[in-house]
Protein backbone atom coordinates (compact mmCIF):
# COMPACT_ATOMS: atom_id res chain seq x y z
CA MET A 1 33.67 -7.96 29.84
CA ALA A 2 30.07 -8.39 29.37
CA ILE A 3 27.44 -7.46 26.75
CA ILE A 4 24.43 -5.53 28.21
CA LEU A 5 21.30 -4.98 26.62
CA ALA A 6 19.54 -1.87 27.83
CA SER A 7 16.21 -2.85 26.84
CA ALA A 8 13.32 -4.86 28.24
CA SER A 9 11.96 -5.69 24.81
CA PRO A 10 11.50 -9.49 24.62
CA ARG A 11 12.04 -8.97 20.70
CA ARG A 12 15.16 -7.47 20.93
CA GLN A 13 16.25 -10.08 23.24
CA GLU A 14 15.06 -12.89 21.11
CA LEU A 15 16.93 -11.51 18.12
CA LEU A 16 20.24 -11.31 19.75
CA ARG A 17 19.67 -14.86 21.13
CA GLN A 18 18.94 -15.93 17.54
CA VAL A 19 22.39 -15.04 16.49
CA GLY A 20 24.07 -16.56 19.49
CA CYS A 21 24.98 -13.46 21.34
CA GLU A 22 25.31 -13.94 25.12
CA PHE A 23 24.21 -10.85 27.15
CA THR A 24 22.43 -9.84 30.28
CA VAL A 25 19.62 -7.15 30.37
CA MET A 26 19.73 -3.99 32.48
CA LEU A 27 16.97 -1.50 32.28
CA SER A 28 17.80 2.22 31.57
CA HIS A 29 15.91 4.84 33.54
CA ILE A 30 15.28 6.89 30.36
CA VAL A 31 11.87 8.18 29.57
CA GLU A 32 11.48 8.30 25.75
CA ASP A 33 10.11 11.62 24.65
CA ASN A 34 8.87 11.50 21.01
CA ASP A 35 7.63 15.12 21.20
CA GLN A 36 11.23 16.48 20.66
CA ASP A 37 11.74 18.94 17.91
CA VAL A 38 14.42 16.98 15.97
CA LEU A 39 14.25 14.91 12.88
CA PRO A 40 12.93 11.44 13.61
CA GLU A 41 16.33 9.80 12.72
CA GLU A 42 17.90 12.00 15.30
CA LEU A 43 15.17 11.09 17.85
CA ALA A 44 15.55 7.36 17.46
CA ILE A 45 19.46 7.81 17.75
CA GLY A 46 19.19 10.14 20.83
CA HIS A 47 16.87 7.81 22.69
CA ALA A 48 19.22 4.73 21.80
CA ARG A 49 22.18 6.82 22.94
CA GLU A 50 20.63 8.04 26.07
CA LYS A 51 19.55 4.45 27.20
CA ALA A 52 22.98 2.90 26.54
CA LEU A 53 24.97 5.77 28.30
CA ASP A 54 22.50 5.53 31.26
CA VAL A 55 23.34 1.82 31.73
CA ALA A 56 26.99 2.28 30.78
CA ALA A 57 27.32 4.76 33.76
CA ARG A 58 26.26 1.71 36.10
CA VAL A 59 28.65 -0.90 34.95
CA SER A 60 32.14 -1.69 34.31
CA ALA A 61 33.95 0.49 31.69
CA ASP A 62 35.08 -2.88 29.90
CA ASP A 63 31.34 -3.81 29.57
CA VAL A 64 29.65 -3.37 26.13
CA VAL A 65 26.20 -1.91 26.52
CA ILE A 66 23.61 -1.75 23.43
CA GLY A 67 20.89 0.66 23.61
CA ALA A 68 18.09 0.74 20.93
CA ASP A 69 14.84 2.74 20.13
CA THR A 70 12.29 1.91 17.35
CA ILE A 71 9.82 4.58 16.04
CA VAL A 72 7.24 4.57 13.38
CA VAL A 73 7.23 7.67 11.12
CA LEU A 74 4.42 8.51 8.72
CA ASN A 75 4.60 11.92 6.76
CA GLY A 76 6.93 13.25 9.49
CA ARG A 77 4.93 12.23 12.26
CA VAL A 78 6.46 9.94 14.98
CA TYR A 79 4.54 7.01 16.44
CA GLY A 80 5.76 5.08 19.25
CA LYS A 81 3.98 2.59 21.35
CA PRO A 82 0.26 3.35 21.69
CA VAL A 83 -0.82 4.80 25.46
CA ASP A 84 -4.02 2.92 25.07
CA GLU A 85 -6.50 1.05 22.93
CA ARG A 86 -8.03 4.12 21.42
CA ASP A 87 -4.61 5.41 20.48
CA ALA A 88 -3.76 2.00 18.85
CA ARG A 89 -6.82 2.18 16.76
CA ASN A 90 -6.01 5.61 15.74
CA ILE A 91 -2.62 4.66 14.64
CA LEU A 92 -3.58 1.54 12.74
CA ALA A 93 -6.20 3.77 11.07
CA ALA A 94 -3.48 6.23 10.05
CA LEU A 95 -1.29 3.64 8.69
CA SER A 96 -3.96 1.72 6.62
CA GLY A 97 -3.06 1.64 2.99
CA LYS A 98 0.12 3.70 3.56
CA GLU A 99 3.77 3.18 3.36
CA HIS A 100 5.56 4.28 6.48
CA GLN A 101 9.15 4.22 7.73
CA VAL A 102 10.25 2.07 10.75
CA MET A 103 13.47 3.65 12.25
CA THR A 104 15.78 2.14 14.85
CA GLY A 105 18.33 3.94 16.43
CA ILE A 106 21.33 1.94 17.81
CA ALA A 107 24.08 2.89 20.22
CA VAL A 108 26.96 0.78 21.50
CA VAL A 109 28.88 1.98 24.30
CA LYS A 110 32.30 0.72 25.65
CA ALA A 111 35.09 2.43 27.78
CA GLY A 112 33.65 5.85 27.22
CA LYS A 113 33.50 5.37 23.53
CA LEU A 114 30.05 5.52 21.72
CA TRP A 115 28.97 4.37 18.21
CA THR A 116 25.66 5.20 16.74
CA ASP A 117 23.50 4.56 13.63
CA VAL A 118 20.04 4.39 12.42
CA VAL A 119 18.39 1.90 10.08
CA ILE A 120 15.32 2.76 8.13
CA THR A 121 12.75 0.19 6.55
CA ARG A 122 9.94 1.07 4.58
CA VAL A 123 6.56 -0.94 5.34
CA LYS A 124 3.34 -0.62 3.64
CA ILE A 125 0.32 -1.67 5.48
CA ALA A 126 -2.77 -3.08 3.42
CA GLU A 127 -6.07 -1.20 3.58
CA ILE A 128 -7.51 -2.56 6.79
CA GLY A 129 -11.01 -1.95 7.63
CA PRO A 130 -12.65 -1.19 11.16
CA GLU A 131 -13.61 -4.86 11.70
CA GLU A 132 -9.85 -6.04 10.97
CA VAL A 133 -8.53 -3.22 13.36
CA GLU A 134 -10.96 -4.33 16.08
CA GLN A 135 -10.06 -8.08 15.70
CA TYR A 136 -6.42 -7.23 15.76
CA LEU A 137 -6.78 -5.08 18.86
CA SER A 138 -8.52 -7.69 20.53
CA THR A 139 -5.62 -9.89 20.47
CA GLY A 140 -3.62 -7.31 22.74
CA GLU A 141 -0.74 -7.63 20.36
CA PRO A 142 -0.49 -3.83 19.37
CA MET A 143 -0.25 -2.49 22.94
CA ASP A 144 3.57 -2.40 23.46
CA LYS A 145 4.78 -2.25 19.78
CA ALA A 146 5.84 1.09 17.98
CA GLY A 147 3.18 1.70 15.32
CA ALA A 148 0.73 -0.46 17.19
CA TYR A 149 1.58 -3.67 15.07
CA ALA A 150 3.83 -6.68 15.27
CA ILE A 151 5.59 -7.89 11.95
CA GLN A 152 6.67 -11.09 13.70
CA GLY A 153 3.38 -11.87 14.96
CA ILE A 154 -0.31 -11.44 13.92
CA GLY A 155 0.43 -7.97 12.63
CA ALA A 156 2.26 -9.77 9.83
CA LEU A 157 -1.10 -10.16 8.33
CA LEU A 158 -1.46 -6.41 7.93
CA VAL A 159 1.94 -5.96 6.12
CA GLU A 160 1.51 -5.73 2.45
CA ASP A 161 5.09 -4.64 1.42
CA ILE A 162 8.66 -4.36 3.23
CA LYS A 163 11.68 -2.70 1.69
CA GLY A 164 14.76 -3.16 3.66
CA CYS A 165 15.63 -4.89 6.94
CA TYR A 166 13.12 -7.22 8.52
CA THR A 167 14.66 -7.33 11.81
CA ASN A 168 14.63 -3.69 11.96
CA VAL A 169 10.82 -3.70 11.87
CA VAL A 170 10.89 -6.46 14.63
CA GLY A 171 13.11 -4.10 16.94
CA LEU A 172 16.73 -4.53 16.27
CA PRO A 173 18.46 -4.39 12.89
CA LEU A 174 21.09 -7.40 13.49
CA ARG A 175 23.34 -6.53 10.78
CA LYS A 176 23.88 -2.87 11.81
CA THR A 177 23.97 -4.02 15.34
CA ALA A 178 26.86 -6.53 14.75
CA GLU A 179 28.72 -3.73 12.74
CA LEU A 180 28.63 -1.47 15.89
CA LEU A 181 29.55 -4.32 18.23
CA LYS A 182 32.51 -4.97 16.04
CA LYS A 183 34.00 -1.55 16.60
CA ALA A 184 33.54 -2.27 20.32
CA GLY A 185 35.50 -5.51 19.94
CA ILE A 186 32.77 -7.98 19.79
CA ILE A 187 32.72 -10.22 16.78
CA LEU A 188 29.28 -12.04 16.34
CA LEU A 189 30.14 -13.59 12.98
């Protein structure tokens, strides 16, 4: 039995390593579609489920597969990773001075069984002016992050307040992931 992370995210990988989880990585072939007409929570869980099931179909039934998807939601609008620098600039401008939600859907699959959940954290971005946005964009950090910022990096300077799970904002809520893995027979703690 192996644990397989269905994600290329270096942040998710680092979080799992941080808690001593031994795993391998196998990428899913799922293309995320943030324009689906479903609630944001359902969208995040749906993406996580699709990723986990896609990888689970290619490995042993005894293997445990973890899928995850993180989105940023502001006033009902879903923000994923920016498509380009202009998009990142627009996302950061939209988040400036406002509280938004970071939602990570998690799915764990083993032997045809599926467990899912979603974790929601509230994050307030400080008022940031165009100069700060441009300086942050120049670091390149926003480009592969949901909501165009990385709380675990330079983007921490943009965050005024957080209510909820910090590792969720990084990309994988560890406590909830551990709970789902326990259901699949994997004890991390």
